[in-house]
Full PDB file with SEQRES, HELIX, SHEET, SSBOND, CRYST1, ORIGX, SCALE, CONECT and MASTER records, all heavy atoms in Angstrom:
SEQRES   1 A   43  THR THR CYS LEU LEU CYS ILE ASP PRO VAL ASP ASP GLN          
SEQRES   2 A   43  ARG CYS TYR ARG THR MET VAL CYS PRO VAL CYS ARG HIS          
SEQRES   3 A   43  ALA TRP PHE HIS ARG ASP CYS ILE GLN ALA GLN ALA LEU          
SEQRES   4 A   43  SER ALA GLY PHE                                              
HELIX    1 AA1 ARG A   31  ALA A   41  1                                  11    
SHEET    1 AA1 2 THR A  18  VAL A  20  0                                        
SHEET    2 AA1 2 TRP A  28  HIS A  30 -1                                        
CRYST1    1.000    1.000    1.000  90.00  90.00  90.00 P 1           1          
ORIGX1      1.000000  0.000000  0.000000        0.00000                         
ORIGX2      0.000000  1.000000  0.000000        0.00000                         
ORIGX3      0.000000  0.000000  1.000000        0.00000                         
SCALE1      1.000000  0.000000  0.000000        0.00000                         
SCALE2      0.000000  1.000000  0.000000        0.00000                         
SCALE3      0.000000  0.000000  1.000000        0.00000                         
ATOM      1  N   THR A   1      -1.041 -12.723   8.939  1.00  0.00           N  
ATOM      2  CA  THR A   1       0.197 -13.451   8.569  1.00  0.00           C  
ATOM      3  C   THR A   1       1.061 -12.576   7.694  1.00  0.00           C  
ATOM      4  O   THR A   1       0.616 -11.873   6.799  1.00  0.00           O  
ATOM      5  CB  THR A   1      -0.183 -14.733   7.799  1.00  0.00           C  
ATOM      6  OG1 THR A   1      -0.955 -15.578   8.661  1.00  0.00           O  
ATOM      7  CG2 THR A   1       1.069 -15.465   7.345  1.00  0.00           C  
ATOM      8  N   THR A   2       2.387 -12.647   7.970  1.00  0.00           N  
ATOM      9  CA  THR A   2       3.338 -11.874   7.211  1.00  0.00           C  
ATOM     10  C   THR A   2       4.283 -12.759   6.421  1.00  0.00           C  
ATOM     11  O   THR A   2       4.473 -13.916   6.741  1.00  0.00           O  
ATOM     12  CB  THR A   2       4.166 -10.943   8.108  1.00  0.00           C  
ATOM     13  OG1 THR A   2       4.860 -11.724   9.055  1.00  0.00           O  
ATOM     14  CG2 THR A   2       3.285  -9.928   8.832  1.00  0.00           C  
ATOM     15  N   CYS A   3       4.876 -12.216   5.367  1.00  0.00           N  
ATOM     16  CA  CYS A   3       5.842 -12.951   4.580  1.00  0.00           C  
ATOM     17  C   CYS A   3       7.082 -13.172   5.395  1.00  0.00           C  
ATOM     18  O   CYS A   3       7.605 -12.235   6.057  1.00  0.00           O  
ATOM     19  CB  CYS A   3       6.147 -12.123   3.350  1.00  0.00           C  
ATOM     20  SG  CYS A   3       7.557 -12.735   2.370  1.00  0.00           S  
ATOM     21  N   LEU A   4       7.587 -14.379   5.427  1.00  0.00           N  
ATOM     22  CA  LEU A   4       8.772 -14.706   6.212  1.00  0.00           C  
ATOM     23  C   LEU A   4      10.000 -13.991   5.751  1.00  0.00           C  
ATOM     24  O   LEU A   4      10.967 -13.828   6.531  1.00  0.00           O  
ATOM     25  CB  LEU A   4       9.044 -16.232   6.190  1.00  0.00           C  
ATOM     26  CG  LEU A   4       8.236 -17.096   7.089  1.00  0.00           C  
ATOM     27  CD1 LEU A   4       8.596 -18.568   6.841  1.00  0.00           C  
ATOM     28  CD2 LEU A   4       8.451 -16.720   8.549  1.00  0.00           C  
ATOM     29  N   LEU A   5      10.017 -13.503   4.515  1.00  0.00           N  
ATOM     30  CA  LEU A   5      11.209 -12.890   3.983  1.00  0.00           C  
ATOM     31  C   LEU A   5      11.239 -11.390   4.010  1.00  0.00           C  
ATOM     32  O   LEU A   5      12.281 -10.806   4.226  1.00  0.00           O  
ATOM     33  CB  LEU A   5      11.351 -13.364   2.500  1.00  0.00           C  
ATOM     34  CG  LEU A   5      11.429 -14.916   2.324  1.00  0.00           C  
ATOM     35  CD1 LEU A   5      11.449 -15.299   0.873  1.00  0.00           C  
ATOM     36  CD2 LEU A   5      12.677 -15.454   3.040  1.00  0.00           C  
ATOM     37  N   CYS A   6      10.076 -10.744   3.810  1.00  0.00           N  
ATOM     38  CA  CYS A   6      10.080  -9.273   3.855  1.00  0.00           C  
ATOM     39  C   CYS A   6       9.294  -8.683   5.003  1.00  0.00           C  
ATOM     40  O   CYS A   6       9.293  -7.509   5.271  1.00  0.00           O  
ATOM     41  CB  CYS A   6       9.504  -8.711   2.526  1.00  0.00           C  
ATOM     42  SG  CYS A   6       7.730  -8.878   2.328  1.00  0.00           S  
ATOM     43  N   ILE A   7       8.571  -9.565   5.729  1.00  0.00           N  
ATOM     44  CA  ILE A   7       7.774  -9.215   6.929  1.00  0.00           C  
ATOM     45  C   ILE A   7       6.553  -8.365   6.604  1.00  0.00           C  
ATOM     46  O   ILE A   7       5.918  -7.829   7.475  1.00  0.00           O  
ATOM     47  CB  ILE A   7       8.673  -8.533   8.023  1.00  0.00           C  
ATOM     48  CG1 ILE A   7      10.023  -9.256   8.145  1.00  0.00           C  
ATOM     49  CG2 ILE A   7       7.998  -8.598   9.362  1.00  0.00           C  
ATOM     50  CD1 ILE A   7       9.907 -10.708   8.483  1.00  0.00           C  
ATOM     51  N   ASP A   8       6.266  -8.132   5.314  1.00  0.00           N  
ATOM     52  CA  ASP A   8       5.058  -7.425   4.953  1.00  0.00           C  
ATOM     53  C   ASP A   8       3.872  -8.432   4.940  1.00  0.00           C  
ATOM     54  O   ASP A   8       4.064  -9.638   4.734  1.00  0.00           O  
ATOM     55  CB  ASP A   8       5.169  -6.784   3.615  1.00  0.00           C  
ATOM     56  CG  ASP A   8       6.034  -5.546   3.609  1.00  0.00           C  
ATOM     57  OD1 ASP A   8       6.183  -4.968   4.743  1.00  0.00           O  
ATOM     58  OD2 ASP A   8       6.521  -5.131   2.568  1.00  0.00           O  
ATOM     59  N   PRO A   9       2.632  -7.956   5.131  1.00  0.00           N  
ATOM     60  CA  PRO A   9       1.461  -8.900   5.080  1.00  0.00           C  
ATOM     61  C   PRO A   9       1.311  -9.629   3.774  1.00  0.00           C  
ATOM     62  O   PRO A   9       1.661  -9.052   2.724  1.00  0.00           O  
ATOM     63  CB  PRO A   9       0.274  -7.945   5.364  1.00  0.00           C  
ATOM     64  CG  PRO A   9       0.873  -6.718   6.007  1.00  0.00           C  
ATOM     65  CD  PRO A   9       2.221  -6.579   5.390  1.00  0.00           C  
ATOM     66  N   VAL A  10       0.828 -10.832   3.865  1.00  0.00           N  
ATOM     67  CA  VAL A  10       0.484 -11.604   2.646  1.00  0.00           C  
ATOM     68  C   VAL A  10      -0.970 -11.550   2.447  1.00  0.00           C  
ATOM     69  O   VAL A  10      -1.740 -11.105   3.330  1.00  0.00           O  
ATOM     70  CB  VAL A  10       0.951 -13.076   2.743  1.00  0.00           C  
ATOM     71  CG1 VAL A  10       2.473 -13.182   2.867  1.00  0.00           C  
ATOM     72  CG2 VAL A  10       0.269 -13.785   3.922  1.00  0.00           C  
ATOM     73  N   ASP A  11      -1.424 -11.922   1.256  1.00  0.00           N  
ATOM     74  CA  ASP A  11      -2.890 -11.947   0.995  1.00  0.00           C  
ATOM     75  C   ASP A  11      -3.540 -12.947   1.893  1.00  0.00           C  
ATOM     76  O   ASP A  11      -2.858 -13.893   2.430  1.00  0.00           O  
ATOM     77  CB  ASP A  11      -3.148 -12.336  -0.488  1.00  0.00           C  
ATOM     78  CG  ASP A  11      -2.585 -11.280  -1.441  1.00  0.00           C  
ATOM     79  OD1 ASP A  11      -2.631 -10.080  -1.073  1.00  0.00           O  
ATOM     80  OD2 ASP A  11      -2.166 -11.616  -2.535  1.00  0.00           O  
ATOM     81  N   ASP A  12      -4.864 -12.866   2.050  1.00  0.00           N  
ATOM     82  CA  ASP A  12      -5.545 -13.732   3.005  1.00  0.00           C  
ATOM     83  C   ASP A  12      -5.937 -15.060   2.389  1.00  0.00           C  
ATOM     84  O   ASP A  12      -6.712 -15.830   2.962  1.00  0.00           O  
ATOM     85  CB  ASP A  12      -6.803 -13.048   3.544  1.00  0.00           C  
ATOM     86  CG  ASP A  12      -7.795 -12.655   2.451  1.00  0.00           C  
ATOM     87  OD1 ASP A  12      -7.510 -12.991   1.239  1.00  0.00           O  
ATOM     88  OD2 ASP A  12      -8.842 -12.097   2.720  1.00  0.00           O  
ATOM     89  N   GLN A  13      -5.304 -15.424   1.245  1.00  0.00           N  
ATOM     90  CA  GLN A  13      -5.537 -16.735   0.681  1.00  0.00           C  
ATOM     91  C   GLN A  13      -4.398 -17.075  -0.263  1.00  0.00           C  
ATOM     92  O   GLN A  13      -3.633 -16.160  -0.618  1.00  0.00           O  
ATOM     93  CB  GLN A  13      -6.862 -16.730  -0.147  1.00  0.00           C  
ATOM     94  CG  GLN A  13      -6.872 -15.665  -1.269  1.00  0.00           C  
ATOM     95  CD  GLN A  13      -8.179 -15.627  -1.996  1.00  0.00           C  
ATOM     96  OE1 GLN A  13      -9.006 -16.539  -1.834  1.00  0.00           O  
ATOM     97  NE2 GLN A  13      -8.372 -14.643  -2.780  1.00  0.00           N  
ATOM     98  N   ARG A  14      -4.244 -18.321  -0.604  1.00  0.00           N  
ATOM     99  CA  ARG A  14      -3.236 -18.720  -1.584  1.00  0.00           C  
ATOM    100  C   ARG A  14      -3.671 -18.132  -2.983  1.00  0.00           C  
ATOM    101  O   ARG A  14      -4.791 -18.205  -3.362  1.00  0.00           O  
ATOM    102  CB  ARG A  14      -3.115 -20.215  -1.705  1.00  0.00           C  
ATOM    103  CG  ARG A  14      -2.359 -20.847  -0.535  1.00  0.00           C  
ATOM    104  CD  ARG A  14      -2.288 -22.360  -0.702  1.00  0.00           C  
ATOM    105  NE  ARG A  14      -3.597 -22.975  -0.612  1.00  0.00           N  
ATOM    106  CZ  ARG A  14      -4.277 -23.537  -1.611  1.00  0.00           C  
ATOM    107  NH1 ARG A  14      -3.699 -23.572  -2.815  1.00  0.00           N  
ATOM    108  NH2 ARG A  14      -5.452 -24.057  -1.418  1.00  0.00           N  
ATOM    109  N   CYS A  15      -2.720 -17.516  -3.635  1.00  0.00           N  
ATOM    110  CA  CYS A  15      -2.992 -16.954  -4.964  1.00  0.00           C  
ATOM    111  C   CYS A  15      -1.673 -16.835  -5.707  1.00  0.00           C  
ATOM    112  O   CYS A  15      -0.647 -17.294  -5.249  1.00  0.00           O  
ATOM    113  CB  CYS A  15      -3.693 -15.587  -4.820  1.00  0.00           C  
ATOM    114  SG  CYS A  15      -2.707 -14.388  -3.906  1.00  0.00           S  
ATOM    115  N   TYR A  16      -1.710 -16.209  -6.859  1.00  0.00           N  
ATOM    116  CA  TYR A  16      -0.453 -16.042  -7.640  1.00  0.00           C  
ATOM    117  C   TYR A  16       0.581 -15.305  -6.847  1.00  0.00           C  
ATOM    118  O   TYR A  16       1.755 -15.689  -6.875  1.00  0.00           O  
ATOM    119  CB  TYR A  16      -0.784 -15.299  -8.945  1.00  0.00           C  
ATOM    120  CG  TYR A  16       0.429 -15.098  -9.835  1.00  0.00           C  
ATOM    121  CD1 TYR A  16       0.789 -16.099 -10.721  1.00  0.00           C  
ATOM    122  CD2 TYR A  16       1.158 -13.955  -9.789  1.00  0.00           C  
ATOM    123  CE1 TYR A  16       1.875 -15.955 -11.561  1.00  0.00           C  
ATOM    124  CE2 TYR A  16       2.268 -13.739 -10.641  1.00  0.00           C  
ATOM    125  CZ  TYR A  16       2.621 -14.764 -11.494  1.00  0.00           C  
ATOM    126  OH  TYR A  16       3.717 -14.633 -12.323  1.00  0.00           O  
ATOM    127  N   ARG A  17       0.240 -14.335  -6.124  1.00  0.00           N  
ATOM    128  CA  ARG A  17       1.204 -13.478  -5.404  1.00  0.00           C  
ATOM    129  C   ARG A  17       1.631 -14.097  -4.052  1.00  0.00           C  
ATOM    130  O   ARG A  17       2.738 -13.873  -3.572  1.00  0.00           O  
ATOM    131  CB  ARG A  17       0.603 -12.105  -5.152  1.00  0.00           C  
ATOM    132  CG  ARG A  17       1.533 -11.129  -4.483  1.00  0.00           C  
ATOM    133  CD  ARG A  17       0.926  -9.726  -4.458  1.00  0.00           C  
ATOM    134  NE  ARG A  17       1.798  -8.744  -3.825  1.00  0.00           N  
ATOM    135  CZ  ARG A  17       1.720  -8.450  -2.556  1.00  0.00           C  
ATOM    136  NH1 ARG A  17       0.763  -8.941  -1.747  1.00  0.00           N  
ATOM    137  NH2 ARG A  17       2.569  -7.558  -1.987  1.00  0.00           N  
ATOM    138  N   THR A  18       0.756 -14.881  -3.420  1.00  0.00           N  
ATOM    139  CA  THR A  18       1.014 -15.419  -2.092  1.00  0.00           C  
ATOM    140  C   THR A  18       1.175 -16.943  -2.177  1.00  0.00           C  
ATOM    141  O   THR A  18       0.309 -17.623  -2.706  1.00  0.00           O  
ATOM    142  CB  THR A  18      -0.130 -15.059  -1.119  1.00  0.00           C  
ATOM    143  OG1 THR A  18      -0.186 -13.617  -0.951  1.00  0.00           O  
ATOM    144  CG2 THR A  18       0.102 -15.709   0.234  1.00  0.00           C  
ATOM    145  N   MET A  19       2.275 -17.461  -1.655  1.00  0.00           N  
ATOM    146  CA  MET A  19       2.594 -18.890  -1.752  1.00  0.00           C  
ATOM    147  C   MET A  19       2.909 -19.436  -0.352  1.00  0.00           C  
ATOM    148  O   MET A  19       3.165 -18.686   0.557  1.00  0.00           O  
ATOM    149  CB  MET A  19       3.804 -19.103  -2.700  1.00  0.00           C  
ATOM    150  CG  MET A  19       3.549 -18.521  -4.104  1.00  0.00           C  
ATOM    151  SD  MET A  19       4.995 -18.576  -5.171  1.00  0.00           S  
ATOM    152  CE  MET A  19       5.092 -20.385  -5.458  1.00  0.00           C  
ATOM    153  N   VAL A  20       2.910 -20.785  -0.272  1.00  0.00           N  
ATOM    154  CA  VAL A  20       3.170 -21.447   0.987  1.00  0.00           C  
ATOM    155  C   VAL A  20       4.044 -22.655   0.761  1.00  0.00           C  
ATOM    156  O   VAL A  20       4.000 -23.304  -0.321  1.00  0.00           O  
ATOM    157  CB  VAL A  20       1.809 -21.820   1.672  1.00  0.00           C  
ATOM    158  CG1 VAL A  20       1.086 -22.888   0.862  1.00  0.00           C  
ATOM    159  CG2 VAL A  20       2.061 -22.298   3.139  1.00  0.00           C  
ATOM    160  N   CYS A  21       4.816 -23.000   1.773  1.00  0.00           N  
ATOM    161  CA  CYS A  21       5.589 -24.260   1.676  1.00  0.00           C  
ATOM    162  C   CYS A  21       4.668 -25.432   1.719  1.00  0.00           C  
ATOM    163  O   CYS A  21       3.823 -25.537   2.663  1.00  0.00           O  
ATOM    164  CB  CYS A  21       6.627 -24.310   2.822  1.00  0.00           C  
ATOM    165  SG  CYS A  21       7.474 -25.906   2.972  1.00  0.00           S  
ATOM    166  N   PRO A  22       4.757 -26.370   0.830  1.00  0.00           N  
ATOM    167  CA  PRO A  22       3.861 -27.540   0.766  1.00  0.00           C  
ATOM    168  C   PRO A  22       4.162 -28.565   1.861  1.00  0.00           C  
ATOM    169  O   PRO A  22       3.372 -29.474   2.105  1.00  0.00           O  
ATOM    170  CB  PRO A  22       4.085 -28.140  -0.597  1.00  0.00           C  
ATOM    171  CG  PRO A  22       5.523 -27.797  -0.893  1.00  0.00           C  
ATOM    172  CD  PRO A  22       5.742 -26.446  -0.325  1.00  0.00           C  
ATOM    173  N   VAL A  23       5.302 -28.411   2.535  1.00  0.00           N  
ATOM    174  CA  VAL A  23       5.727 -29.389   3.530  1.00  0.00           C  
ATOM    175  C   VAL A  23       5.269 -28.966   4.945  1.00  0.00           C  
ATOM    176  O   VAL A  23       4.449 -29.659   5.560  1.00  0.00           O  
ATOM    177  CB  VAL A  23       7.241 -29.560   3.512  1.00  0.00           C  
ATOM    178  CG1 VAL A  23       7.684 -30.619   4.550  1.00  0.00           C  
ATOM    179  CG2 VAL A  23       7.735 -29.953   2.126  1.00  0.00           C  
ATOM    180  N   CYS A  24       5.732 -27.808   5.413  1.00  0.00           N  
ATOM    181  CA  CYS A  24       5.349 -27.410   6.771  1.00  0.00           C  
ATOM    182  C   CYS A  24       4.021 -26.651   6.779  1.00  0.00           C  
ATOM    183  O   CYS A  24       3.342 -26.648   7.805  1.00  0.00           O  
ATOM    184  CB  CYS A  24       6.404 -26.523   7.412  1.00  0.00           C  
ATOM    185  SG  CYS A  24       6.640 -24.909   6.557  1.00  0.00           S  
ATOM    186  N   ARG A  25       3.604 -26.054   5.658  1.00  0.00           N  
ATOM    187  CA  ARG A  25       2.339 -25.340   5.494  1.00  0.00           C  
ATOM    188  C   ARG A  25       2.217 -24.148   6.469  1.00  0.00           C  
ATOM    189  O   ARG A  25       1.110 -23.661   6.695  1.00  0.00           O  
ATOM    190  CB  ARG A  25       1.154 -26.324   5.706  1.00  0.00           C  
ATOM    191  CG  ARG A  25       1.204 -27.534   4.817  1.00  0.00           C  
ATOM    192  CD  ARG A  25       0.015 -28.431   4.976  1.00  0.00           C  
ATOM    193  NE  ARG A  25       0.144 -29.602   4.164  1.00  0.00           N  
ATOM    194  CZ  ARG A  25      -0.828 -30.508   4.020  1.00  0.00           C  
ATOM    195  NH1 ARG A  25      -1.973 -30.305   4.576  1.00  0.00           N  
ATOM    196  NH2 ARG A  25      -0.607 -31.603   3.271  1.00  0.00           N  
ATOM    197  N   HIS A  26       3.333 -23.689   7.000  1.00  0.00           N  
ATOM    198  CA  HIS A  26       3.315 -22.531   7.911  1.00  0.00           C  
ATOM    199  C   HIS A  26       4.192 -21.428   7.364  1.00  0.00           C  
ATOM    200  O   HIS A  26       4.124 -20.334   7.859  1.00  0.00           O  
ATOM    201  CB  HIS A  26       3.839 -22.899   9.301  1.00  0.00           C  
ATOM    202  CG  HIS A  26       2.933 -23.838  10.029  1.00  0.00           C  
ATOM    203  ND1 HIS A  26       1.676 -23.393  10.534  1.00  0.00           N  
ATOM    204  CD2 HIS A  26       3.000 -25.163  10.304  1.00  0.00           C  
ATOM    205  CE1 HIS A  26       1.055 -24.480  11.115  1.00  0.00           C  
ATOM    206  NE2 HIS A  26       1.879 -25.519  10.996  1.00  0.00           N  
ATOM    207  N   ALA A  27       5.021 -21.720   6.340  1.00  0.00           N  
ATOM    208  CA  ALA A  27       5.890 -20.721   5.765  1.00  0.00           C  
ATOM    209  C   ALA A  27       5.178 -20.025   4.621  1.00  0.00           C  
ATOM    210  O   ALA A  27       5.031 -20.573   3.539  1.00  0.00           O  
ATOM    211  CB  ALA A  27       7.190 -21.375   5.302  1.00  0.00           C  
ATOM    212  N   TRP A  28       4.764 -18.803   4.865  1.00  0.00           N  
ATOM    213  CA  TRP A  28       4.073 -17.994   3.807  1.00  0.00           C  
ATOM    214  C   TRP A  28       5.024 -16.917   3.309  1.00  0.00           C  
ATOM    215  O   TRP A  28       5.782 -16.331   4.022  1.00  0.00           O  
ATOM    216  CB  TRP A  28       2.830 -17.341   4.406  1.00  0.00           C  
ATOM    217  CG  TRP A  28       1.774 -18.336   4.729  1.00  0.00           C  
ATOM    218  CD1 TRP A  28       1.581 -18.968   5.940  1.00  0.00           C  
ATOM    219  CD2 TRP A  28       0.769 -18.890   3.876  1.00  0.00           C  
ATOM    220  NE1 TRP A  28       0.554 -19.867   5.892  1.00  0.00           N  
ATOM    221  CE2 TRP A  28      -0.003 -19.816   4.616  1.00  0.00           C  
ATOM    222  CE3 TRP A  28       0.415 -18.611   2.543  1.00  0.00           C  
ATOM    223  CZ2 TRP A  28      -1.052 -20.490   4.094  1.00  0.00           C  
ATOM    224  CZ3 TRP A  28      -0.651 -19.290   2.019  1.00  0.00           C  
ATOM    225  CH2 TRP A  28      -1.389 -20.227   2.770  1.00  0.00           C  
ATOM    226  N   PHE A  29       4.947 -16.652   1.971  1.00  0.00           N  
ATOM    227  CA  PHE A  29       5.837 -15.693   1.399  1.00  0.00           C  
ATOM    228  C   PHE A  29       5.263 -15.173   0.103  1.00  0.00           C  
ATOM    229  O   PHE A  29       4.393 -15.836  -0.518  1.00  0.00           O  
ATOM    230  CB  PHE A  29       7.228 -16.280   1.159  1.00  0.00           C  
ATOM    231  CG  PHE A  29       7.214 -17.718   0.716  1.00  0.00           C  
ATOM    232  CD1 PHE A  29       6.895 -18.102  -0.526  1.00  0.00           C  
ATOM    233  CD2 PHE A  29       7.493 -18.747   1.683  1.00  0.00           C  
ATOM    234  CE1 PHE A  29       6.854 -19.460  -0.890  1.00  0.00           C  
ATOM    235  CE2 PHE A  29       7.453 -20.048   1.329  1.00  0.00           C  
ATOM    236  CZ  PHE A  29       7.138 -20.408   0.023  1.00  0.00           C  
ATOM    237  N   HIS A  30       5.717 -13.992  -0.294  1.00  0.00           N  
ATOM    238  CA  HIS A  30       5.325 -13.426  -1.593  1.00  0.00           C  
ATOM    239  C   HIS A  30       6.096 -14.126  -2.717  1.00  0.00           C  
ATOM    240  O   HIS A  30       7.260 -14.511  -2.524  1.00  0.00           O  
ATOM    241  CB  HIS A  30       5.605 -11.923  -1.633  1.00  0.00           C  
ATOM    242  CG  HIS A  30       4.883 -11.152  -0.611  1.00  0.00           C  
ATOM    243  ND1 HIS A  30       5.485 -10.419   0.352  1.00  0.00           N  
ATOM    244  CD2 HIS A  30       3.515 -10.969  -0.415  1.00  0.00           C  
ATOM    245  CE1 HIS A  30       4.622  -9.804   1.142  1.00  0.00           C  
ATOM    246  NE2 HIS A  30       3.395 -10.136   0.655  1.00  0.00           N  
ATOM    247  N   ARG A  31       5.494 -14.260  -3.873  1.00  0.00           N  
ATOM    248  CA  ARG A  31       6.160 -14.816  -5.030  1.00  0.00           C  
ATOM    249  C   ARG A  31       7.438 -14.067  -5.331  1.00  0.00           C  
ATOM    250  O   ARG A  31       8.489 -14.689  -5.603  1.00  0.00           O  
ATOM    251  CB  ARG A  31       5.231 -14.818  -6.242  1.00  0.00           C  
ATOM    252  CG  ARG A  31       5.915 -15.246  -7.554  1.00  0.00           C  
ATOM    253  CD  ARG A  31       4.956 -15.253  -8.706  1.00  0.00           C  
ATOM    254  NE  ARG A  31       3.986 -16.377  -8.570  1.00  0.00           N  
ATOM    255  CZ  ARG A  31       4.193 -17.584  -9.076  1.00  0.00           C  
ATOM    256  NH1 ARG A  31       5.352 -17.832  -9.702  1.00  0.00           N  
ATOM    257  NH2 ARG A  31       3.315 -18.506  -8.932  1.00  0.00           N  
ATOM    258  N   ASP A  32       7.405 -12.758  -5.322  1.00  0.00           N  
ATOM    259  CA  ASP A  32       8.618 -11.974  -5.641  1.00  0.00           C  
ATOM    260  C   ASP A  32       9.698 -12.183  -4.641  1.00  0.00           C  
ATOM    261  O   ASP A  32      10.885 -12.210  -5.029  1.00  0.00           O  
ATOM    262  CB  ASP A  32       8.219 -10.483  -5.706  1.00  0.00           C  
ATOM    263  CG  ASP A  32       7.392 -10.121  -6.935  1.00  0.00           C  
ATOM    264  OD1 ASP A  32       7.265 -10.961  -7.867  1.00  0.00           O  
ATOM    265  OD2 ASP A  32       6.808  -9.019  -6.954  1.00  0.00           O  
ATOM    266  N   CYS A  33       9.318 -12.417  -3.379  1.00  0.00           N  
ATOM    267  CA  CYS A  33      10.358 -12.562  -2.321  1.00  0.00           C  
ATOM    268  C   CYS A  33      11.032 -13.929  -2.446  1.00  0.00           C  
ATOM    269  O   CYS A  33      12.236 -14.034  -2.315  1.00  0.00           O  
ATOM    270  CB  CYS A  33       9.670 -12.444  -0.961  1.00  0.00           C  
ATOM    271  SG  CYS A  33       9.082 -10.787  -0.576  1.00  0.00           S  
ATOM    272  N   ILE A  34      10.229 -14.973  -2.702  1.00  0.00           N  
ATOM    273  CA  ILE A  34      10.849 -16.323  -2.803  1.00  0.00           C  
ATOM    274  C   ILE A  34      11.636 -16.453  -4.112  1.00  0.00           C  
ATOM    275  O   ILE A  34      12.625 -17.132  -4.161  1.00  0.00           O  
ATOM    276  CB  ILE A  34       9.782 -17.427  -2.695  1.00  0.00           C  
ATOM    277  CG1 ILE A  34      10.434 -18.767  -2.252  1.00  0.00           C  
ATOM    278  CG2 ILE A  34       8.995 -17.643  -3.953  1.00  0.00           C  
ATOM    279  CD1 ILE A  34      10.970 -18.718  -0.834  1.00  0.00           C  
ATOM    280  N   GLN A  35      11.242 -15.702  -5.151  1.00  0.00           N  
ATOM    281  CA  GLN A  35      11.995 -15.673  -6.370  1.00  0.00           C  
ATOM    282  C   GLN A  35      13.344 -15.028  -6.182  1.00  0.00           C  
ATOM    283  O   GLN A  35      14.374 -15.530  -6.628  1.00  0.00           O  
ATOM    284  CB  GLN A  35      11.237 -14.924  -7.494  1.00  0.00           C  
ATOM    285  CG  GLN A  35      11.967 -14.827  -8.817  1.00  0.00           C  
ATOM    286  CD  GLN A  35      12.297 -16.170  -9.404  1.00  0.00           C  
ATOM    287  OE1 GLN A  35      11.500 -16.748 -10.114  1.00  0.00           O  
ATOM    288  NE2 GLN A  35      13.516 -16.714  -9.185  1.00  0.00           N  
ATOM    289  N   ALA A  36      13.392 -13.930  -5.435  1.00  0.00           N  
ATOM    290  CA  ALA A  36      14.653 -13.277  -5.137  1.00  0.00           C  
ATOM    291  C   ALA A  36      15.590 -14.205  -4.308  1.00  0.00           C  
ATOM    292  O   ALA A  36      16.787 -14.245  -4.555  1.00  0.00           O  
ATOM    293  CB  ALA A  36      14.408 -11.952  -4.376  1.00  0.00           C  
ATOM    294  N   GLN A  37      14.999 -14.954  -3.340  1.00  0.00           N  
ATOM    295  CA  GLN A  37      15.802 -15.836  -2.528  1.00  0.00           C  
ATOM    296  C   GLN A  37      16.354 -16.958  -3.401  1.00  0.00           C  
ATOM    297  O   GLN A  37      17.500 -17.399  -3.249  1.00  0.00           O  
ATOM    298  CB  GLN A  37      14.984 -16.448  -1.395  1.00  0.00           C  
ATOM    299  CG  GLN A  37      15.833 -17.440  -0.564  1.00  0.00           C  
ATOM    300  CD  GLN A  37      15.048 -17.928   0.619  1.00  0.00           C  
ATOM    301  OE1 GLN A  37      14.293 -17.208   1.254  1.00  0.00           O  
ATOM    302  NE2 GLN A  37      15.232 -19.182   0.990  1.00  0.00           N  
ATOM    303  N   ALA A  38      15.542 -17.497  -4.367  1.00  0.00           N  
ATOM    304  CA  ALA A  38      15.972 -18.554  -5.224  1.00  0.00           C  
ATOM    305  C   ALA A  38      17.124 -18.112  -6.130  1.00  0.00           C  
ATOM    306  O   ALA A  38      18.112 -18.895  -6.307  1.00  0.00           O  
ATOM    307  CB  ALA A  38      14.830 -19.033  -6.101  1.00  0.00           C  
ATOM    308  N   LEU A  39      17.078 -16.933  -6.621  1.00  0.00           N  
ATOM    309  CA  LEU A  39      18.175 -16.398  -7.448  1.00  0.00           C  
ATOM    310  C   LEU A  39      19.481 -16.219  -6.658  1.00  0.00           C  
ATOM    311  O   LEU A  39      20.549 -16.424  -7.194  1.00  0.00           O  
ATOM    312  CB  LEU A  39      17.777 -15.063  -8.114  1.00  0.00           C  
ATOM    313  CG  LEU A  39      16.631 -15.165  -9.145  1.00  0.00           C  
ATOM    314  CD1 LEU A  39      16.260 -13.745  -9.595  1.00  0.00           C  
ATOM    315  CD2 LEU A  39      17.024 -16.000 -10.316  1.00  0.00           C  
ATOM    316  N   SER A  40      19.345 -15.859  -5.381  1.00  0.00           N  
ATOM    317  CA  SER A  40      20.556 -15.681  -4.563  1.00  0.00           C  
ATOM    318  C   SER A  40      21.123 -17.028  -4.113  1.00  0.00           C  
ATOM    319  O   SER A  40      22.319 -17.225  -4.046  1.00  0.00           O  
ATOM    320  CB  SER A  40      20.197 -14.867  -3.335  1.00  0.00           C  
ATOM    321  OG  SER A  40      19.794 -13.574  -3.716  1.00  0.00           O  
ATOM    322  N   ALA A  41      20.235 -18.002  -3.784  1.00  0.00           N  
ATOM    323  CA  ALA A  41      20.696 -19.242  -3.172  1.00  0.00           C  
ATOM    324  C   ALA A  41      21.186 -20.233  -4.234  1.00  0.00           C  
ATOM    325  O   ALA A  41      22.171 -20.917  -4.038  1.00  0.00           O  
ATOM    326  CB  ALA A  41      19.564 -19.856  -2.338  1.00  0.00           C  
ATOM    327  N   GLY A  42      20.465 -20.316  -5.363  1.00  0.00           N  
ATOM    328  CA  GLY A  42      20.797 -21.340  -6.330  1.00  0.00           C  
ATOM    329  C   GLY A  42      20.229 -22.723  -5.935  1.00  0.00           C  
ATOM    330  O   GLY A  42      19.772 -22.917  -4.815  1.00  0.00           O  
ATOM    331  N   PHE A  43      20.250 -23.664  -6.854  1.00  0.00           N  
ATOM    332  CA  PHE A  43      19.667 -24.968  -6.713  1.00  0.00           C  
ATOM    333  C   PHE A  43      20.142 -25.709  -5.434  1.00  0.00           C  
ATOM    334  O   PHE A  43      19.343 -26.322  -4.746  1.00  0.00           O  
ATOM    335  CB  PHE A  43      19.941 -25.840  -7.959  1.00  0.00           C  
ATOM    336  CG  PHE A  43      19.327 -27.188  -7.869  1.00  0.00           C  
ATOM    337  CD1 PHE A  43      18.016 -27.392  -8.169  1.00  0.00           C  
ATOM    338  CD2 PHE A  43      20.156 -28.301  -7.545  1.00  0.00           C  
ATOM    339  CE1 PHE A  43      17.485 -28.648  -8.116  1.00  0.00           C  
ATOM    340  CE2 PHE A  43      19.627 -29.553  -7.493  1.00  0.00           C  
ATOM    341  CZ  PHE A  43      18.268 -29.775  -7.771  1.00  0.00           C  
TER     342      PHE A  43                                                      
MASTER        0    0    0    1    2    0    0    6  341    1    0    4          
END                                                                             
């Protein structure tokens, strides 16, 4: 599985660095990547 935002591999389990969408449960991403998207997109 790769991060949807940077396309690099994610860890093989949920952890501090690897997160998942609680709704669809198929969107995996790195914490740093989703943080960057949040700062760009805004609330």
